[in-house]
Amino acid sequence: MISLSIFLAPGPWQIVLIVVIVLLLFGGKKIPELMRGLGSGIKEFKDASKEEDTDKKE
């Protein structure tokens, strides 16, 4: 039987393929803007989770 973890863990060729598809879909100029948005979203999530942790301690 094939394990499900094989499908969930992409190998190096799958990552290269995903990067190429993203470049084709969005173009080189849009990617930095998308990454900034993703980074700010992650930062907001971390800040909110830290804020919730400090509320629970008090």
Protein backbone atom coordinates (compact mmCIF):
# COMPACT_ATOMS: atom_id res chain seq x y z
CA MET A 1 0.00 0.00 0.00
CA ILE A 2 1.09 3.54 -0.70
CA SER A 3 1.32 5.66 2.39
CA LEU A 4 -0.57 8.95 2.50
CA SER A 5 2.56 10.73 3.71
CA ILE A 6 4.12 10.29 0.26
CA PHE A 7 1.45 12.57 -1.18
CA LEU A 8 1.65 15.13 1.61
CA ALA A 9 5.42 15.66 1.45
CA PRO A 10 6.40 17.19 -1.91
CA GLY A 11 9.81 16.34 -3.25
CA PRO A 12 12.27 18.70 -4.92
CA TRP A 13 10.80 18.25 -8.41
CA GLN A 14 7.28 18.94 -7.19
CA ILE A 15 8.46 22.15 -5.49
CA VAL A 16 10.19 23.28 -8.69
CA LEU A 17 7.02 22.55 -10.66
CA ILE A 18 4.90 24.54 -8.19
CA VAL A 19 7.30 27.51 -8.36
CA VAL A 20 7.23 27.47 -12.17
CA ILE A 21 3.42 27.35 -12.22
CA VAL A 22 3.20 30.24 -9.74
CA LEU A 23 5.63 32.28 -11.88
CA LEU A 24 3.56 31.60 -14.98
CA LEU A 25 0.28 32.48 -13.28
CA PHE A 26 1.30 35.63 -11.42
CA GLY A 27 4.43 36.88 -13.19
CA GLY A 28 7.67 38.02 -11.60
CA LYS A 29 6.40 41.47 -10.61
CA LYS A 30 3.44 40.23 -8.55
CA ILE A 31 5.29 37.67 -6.43
CA PRO A 32 7.05 40.14 -4.05
CA GLU A 33 3.69 41.81 -3.45
CA LEU A 34 2.07 38.44 -2.71
CA MET A 35 4.89 37.48 -0.33
CA ARG A 36 4.58 40.81 1.53
CA GLY A 37 0.88 40.17 2.00
CA LEU A 38 1.55 36.63 3.18
CA GLY A 39 4.25 37.85 5.60
CA SER A 40 2.01 40.52 7.09
CA GLY A 41 -0.79 37.98 7.49
CA ILE A 42 1.53 35.60 9.34
CA LYS A 43 2.77 38.47 11.53
CA GLU A 44 -0.80 39.45 12.43
CA PHE A 45 -1.62 35.83 13.26
CA LYS A 46 1.41 35.53 15.54
CA ASP A 47 0.61 38.82 17.28
CA ALA A 48 -2.99 37.75 17.84
CA SER A 49 -1.94 34.38 19.22
CA LYS A 50 0.58 36.02 21.59
CA GLU A 51 -2.07 38.47 22.74
CA GLU A 52 -4.46 35.60 23.44
CA ASP A 53 -1.78 33.75 25.42
CA THR A 54 -1.14 36.79 27.65
CA ASP A 55 -4.90 37.14 28.24
CA LYS A 56 -5.11 33.52 29.40
CA LYS A 57 -2.22 33.95 31.86
CA GLU A 58 -3.86 36.90 33.57
